[in-house]
Amino acid sequence: RHLFMPSTSEYRYARYVEDWRARVERIGNEHYPDEARGRIYGALRMTVVIAADGALVRAVIDESSGSPVLDGAARHIVKLSAPYPPFPPEIARDTDQIEITRTWMFTNDQFAMRAGARAAQP
């Protein structure tokens, strides 16, 4: 298992995680929650665990946004985005799972992620 941390992880992980982030952000913006658009803003911290075959193992909200709408949207987005691409051979040779923790930010009608230990409070 590899816990992805941007400051210490090797490039082979960084490329996979960056591609994952771009995919989830694209799908998240396509499926931005209508009930939040222009009305509910916030951020949450979620950890996503991906298996070597690209399957979603689990997604856990580590720090809630305080909004059931945004927390539910994050769960929905991560599930819609799965399955993810299988690990490339240079990762799969010694890694069964990658664990990625990101801050998920919902602002106005845009969704984005960033690395960080804590989610910004609305």
C-alpha atoms as a PDB file:
ATOM      1  CA  ARG A   1       0.000   0.000   0.000  1.00  0.00           C
ATOM      2  CA  HIS A   2       1.249   3.476  -0.807  1.00  0.00           C
ATOM      3  CA  LEU A   3       0.022   6.541   1.054  1.00  0.00           C
ATOM      4  CA  PHE A   4       0.387   9.298  -1.513  1.00  0.00           C
ATOM      5  CA  MET A   5       1.955  12.462  -0.144  1.00  0.00           C
ATOM      6  CA  PRO A   6       2.901  15.068  -2.784  1.00  0.00           C
ATOM      7  CA  SER A   7       6.048  16.188  -0.999  1.00  0.00           C
ATOM      8  CA  THR A   8       7.541  12.712  -0.552  1.00  0.00           C
ATOM      9  CA  SER A   9       6.076  10.422  -3.212  1.00  0.00           C
ATOM     10  CA  GLU A  10       8.003   9.372  -6.270  1.00  0.00           C
ATOM     11  CA  TYR A  11       7.119  10.639  -9.746  1.00  0.00           C
ATOM     12  CA  ARG A  12       5.611   7.271 -10.703  1.00  0.00           C
ATOM     13  CA  TYR A  13       2.880   7.864  -8.122  1.00  0.00           C
ATOM     14  CA  ALA A  14       2.557  11.584  -8.774  1.00  0.00           C
ATOM     15  CA  ARG A  15       1.615  11.074 -12.434  1.00  0.00           C
ATOM     16  CA  TYR A  16      -1.083   8.522 -11.574  1.00  0.00           C
ATOM     17  CA  VAL A  17      -2.525  10.711  -8.813  1.00  0.00           C
ATOM     18  CA  GLU A  18      -2.499  13.821 -11.017  1.00  0.00           C
ATOM     19  CA  ASP A  19      -4.395  11.923 -13.727  1.00  0.00           C
ATOM     20  CA  TRP A  20      -6.830  10.685 -11.060  1.00  0.00           C
ATOM     21  CA  ARG A  21      -7.365  14.239  -9.779  1.00  0.00           C
ATOM     22  CA  ALA A  22      -8.036  15.584 -13.276  1.00  0.00           C
ATOM     23  CA  ARG A  23     -10.562  12.799 -13.942  1.00  0.00           C
ATOM     24  CA  VAL A  24     -12.421  13.317 -10.658  1.00  0.00           C
ATOM     25  CA  GLU A  25     -12.486  17.101 -11.081  1.00  0.00           C
ATOM     26  CA  ARG A  26     -13.861  16.776 -14.632  1.00  0.00           C
ATOM     27  CA  ILE A  27     -16.612  14.401 -13.524  1.00  0.00           C
ATOM     28  CA  GLY A  28     -17.245  16.497 -10.412  1.00  0.00           C
ATOM     29  CA  ASN A  29     -17.812  19.618 -12.480  1.00  0.00           C
ATOM     30  CA  GLU A  30     -20.080  17.721 -14.878  1.00  0.00           C
ATOM     31  CA  HIS A  31     -22.147  16.491 -11.895  1.00  0.00           C
ATOM     32  CA  TYR A  32     -21.996  19.539  -9.627  1.00  0.00           C
ATOM     33  CA  PRO A  33     -24.979  19.298  -7.252  1.00  0.00           C
ATOM     34  CA  ASP A  34     -27.818  21.518  -8.511  1.00  0.00           C
ATOM     35  CA  GLU A  35     -29.087  22.117  -4.988  1.00  0.00           C
ATOM     36  CA  ALA A  36     -25.695  23.635  -4.057  1.00  0.00           C
ATOM     37  CA  ARG A  37     -25.076  25.718  -7.167  1.00  0.00           C
ATOM     38  CA  GLY A  38     -24.676  29.338  -6.072  1.00  0.00           C
ATOM     39  CA  ARG A  39     -26.090  28.613  -2.602  1.00  0.00           C
ATOM     40  CA  ILE A  40     -23.886  26.223  -0.645  1.00  0.00           C
ATOM     41  CA  TYR A  41     -20.105  26.544  -0.461  1.00  0.00           C
ATOM     42  CA  GLY A  42     -17.611  24.520   1.476  1.00  0.00           C
ATOM     43  CA  ALA A  43     -14.730  22.106   1.627  1.00  0.00           C
ATOM     44  CA  LEU A  44     -14.223  18.643   3.022  1.00  0.00           C
ATOM     45  CA  ARG A  45     -11.313  16.266   3.362  1.00  0.00           C
ATOM     46  CA  MET A  46     -11.712  12.787   1.888  1.00  0.00           C
ATOM     47  CA  THR A  47      -9.393   9.798   1.657  1.00  0.00           C
ATOM     48  CA  VAL A  48      -9.842   7.556  -1.384  1.00  0.00           C
ATOM     49  CA  VAL A  49      -8.258   4.102  -1.605  1.00  0.00           C
ATOM     50  CA  ILE A  50      -7.750   2.597  -5.066  1.00  0.00           C
ATOM     51  CA  ALA A  51      -6.760  -1.012  -5.805  1.00  0.00           C
ATOM     52  CA  ALA A  52      -4.156  -1.950  -8.393  1.00  0.00           C
ATOM     53  CA  ASP A  53      -6.897  -2.923 -10.876  1.00  0.00           C
ATOM     54  CA  GLY A  54      -8.455   0.553 -10.545  1.00  0.00           C
ATOM     55  CA  ALA A  55     -11.341  -0.517  -8.320  1.00  0.00           C
ATOM     56  CA  LEU A  56     -12.534   1.880  -5.648  1.00  0.00           C
ATOM     57  CA  VAL A  57     -11.760   0.156  -2.328  1.00  0.00           C
ATOM     58  CA  ARG A  58     -13.230   2.855  -0.098  1.00  0.00           C
ATOM     59  CA  ALA A  59     -13.800   6.568   0.245  1.00  0.00           C
ATOM     60  CA  VAL A  60     -13.928   8.059   3.723  1.00  0.00           C
ATOM     61  CA  ILE A  61     -14.770  11.628   4.631  1.00  0.00           C
ATOM     62  CA  ASP A  62     -12.112  12.524   7.181  1.00  0.00           C
ATOM     63  CA  GLU A  63     -13.454  16.014   7.820  1.00  0.00           C
ATOM     64  CA  SER A  64     -16.997  16.981   6.841  1.00  0.00           C
ATOM     65  CA  SER A  65     -17.904  20.194   5.066  1.00  0.00           C
ATOM     66  CA  GLY A  66     -20.788  20.534   7.495  1.00  0.00           C
ATOM     67  CA  SER A  67     -23.211  20.239   4.575  1.00  0.00           C
ATOM     68  CA  PRO A  68     -24.915  16.905   3.870  1.00  0.00           C
ATOM     69  CA  VAL A  69     -25.398  18.102   0.264  1.00  0.00           C
ATOM     70  CA  LEU A  70     -21.665  18.656  -0.326  1.00  0.00           C
ATOM     71  CA  ASP A  71     -20.563  15.537   1.566  1.00  0.00           C
ATOM     72  CA  GLY A  72     -23.071  13.466  -0.435  1.00  0.00           C
ATOM     73  CA  ALA A  73     -21.922  15.073  -3.697  1.00  0.00           C
ATOM     74  CA  ALA A  74     -18.298  14.145  -2.945  1.00  0.00           C
ATOM     75  CA  ARG A  75     -19.264  10.525  -2.285  1.00  0.00           C
ATOM     76  CA  HIS A  76     -21.329  10.468  -5.476  1.00  0.00           C
ATOM     77  CA  ILE A  77     -18.514  11.975  -7.572  1.00  0.00           C
ATOM     78  CA  VAL A  78     -15.887   9.504  -6.356  1.00  0.00           C
ATOM     79  CA  LYS A  79     -18.227   6.588  -7.155  1.00  0.00           C
ATOM     80  CA  LEU A  80     -19.163   7.982 -10.577  1.00  0.00           C
ATOM     81  CA  SER A  81     -15.481   8.376 -11.418  1.00  0.00           C
ATOM     82  CA  ALA A  82     -14.707   4.705 -10.675  1.00  0.00           C
ATOM     83  CA  PRO A  83     -13.405   2.385 -11.828  1.00  0.00           C
ATOM     84  CA  TYR A  84     -10.130   4.182 -12.254  1.00  0.00           C
ATOM     85  CA  PRO A  85      -7.360   3.138 -14.621  1.00  0.00           C
ATOM     86  CA  PRO A  86      -5.310   0.168 -13.410  1.00  0.00           C
ATOM     87  CA  PHE A  87      -1.897   1.002 -12.004  1.00  0.00           C
ATOM     88  CA  PRO A  88       0.864   1.150 -14.588  1.00  0.00           C
ATOM     89  CA  PRO A  89       3.464  -1.652 -14.323  1.00  0.00           C
ATOM     90  CA  GLU A  90       6.000   0.555 -12.506  1.00  0.00           C
ATOM     91  CA  ILE A  91       3.490   1.032  -9.673  1.00  0.00           C
ATOM     92  CA  ALA A  92       1.737  -2.339  -9.782  1.00  0.00           C
ATOM     93  CA  ARG A  93       4.985  -4.273  -9.319  1.00  0.00           C
ATOM     94  CA  ASP A  94       5.156  -3.307  -5.629  1.00  0.00           C
ATOM     95  CA  THR A  95       1.880  -1.576  -4.714  1.00  0.00           C
ATOM     96  CA  ASP A  96      -1.540  -3.155  -4.106  1.00  0.00           C
ATOM     97  CA  GLN A  97      -3.359   0.052  -3.141  1.00  0.00           C
ATOM     98  CA  ILE A  98      -2.869   3.797  -3.283  1.00  0.00           C
ATOM     99  CA  GLU A  99      -4.428   5.964  -0.594  1.00  0.00           C
ATOM    100  CA  ILE A 100      -5.046   9.576  -1.630  1.00  0.00           C
ATOM    101  CA  THR A 101      -6.200  12.299   0.764  1.00  0.00           C
ATOM    102  CA  ARG A 102      -7.374  15.569  -0.746  1.00  0.00           C
ATOM    103  CA  THR A 103      -9.415  18.596   0.180  1.00  0.00           C
ATOM    104  CA  TRP A 104     -12.528  18.768  -1.999  1.00  0.00           C
ATOM    105  CA  MET A 105     -13.690  22.353  -2.553  1.00  0.00           C
ATOM    106  CA  PHE A 106     -17.130  23.376  -3.751  1.00  0.00           C
ATOM    107  CA  THR A 107     -17.312  27.095  -4.603  1.00  0.00           C
ATOM    108  CA  ASN A 108     -20.221  28.757  -6.421  1.00  0.00           C
ATOM    109  CA  ASP A 109     -20.559  26.276  -9.309  1.00  0.00           C
ATOM    110  CA  GLN A 110     -17.003  24.932  -9.488  1.00  0.00           C
ATOM    111  CA  PHE A 111     -15.450  21.851  -7.955  1.00  0.00           C
ATOM    112  CA  ALA A 112     -11.686  21.438  -7.401  1.00  0.00           C
ATOM    113  CA  MET A 113      -9.241  19.525  -5.213  1.00  0.00           C
ATOM    114  CA  ARG A 114      -6.036  20.390  -3.501  1.00  0.00           C
ATOM    115  CA  ALA A 115      -3.479  18.636  -1.364  1.00  0.00           C
ATOM    116  CA  GLY A 116      -3.588  19.575   2.256  1.00  0.00           C
ATOM    117  CA  ALA A 117      -3.983  18.210   5.717  1.00  0.00           C
ATOM    118  CA  ARG A 118      -7.134  20.117   6.679  1.00  0.00           C
ATOM    119  CA  ALA A 119     -10.226  21.188   4.817  1.00  0.00           C
ATOM    120  CA  ALA A 120     -11.011  24.889   4.838  1.00  0.00           C
ATOM    121  CA  GLN A 121     -14.110  25.642   6.834  1.00  0.00           C
ATOM    122  CA  PRO A 122     -16.933  27.487   5.037  1.00  0.00           C
END
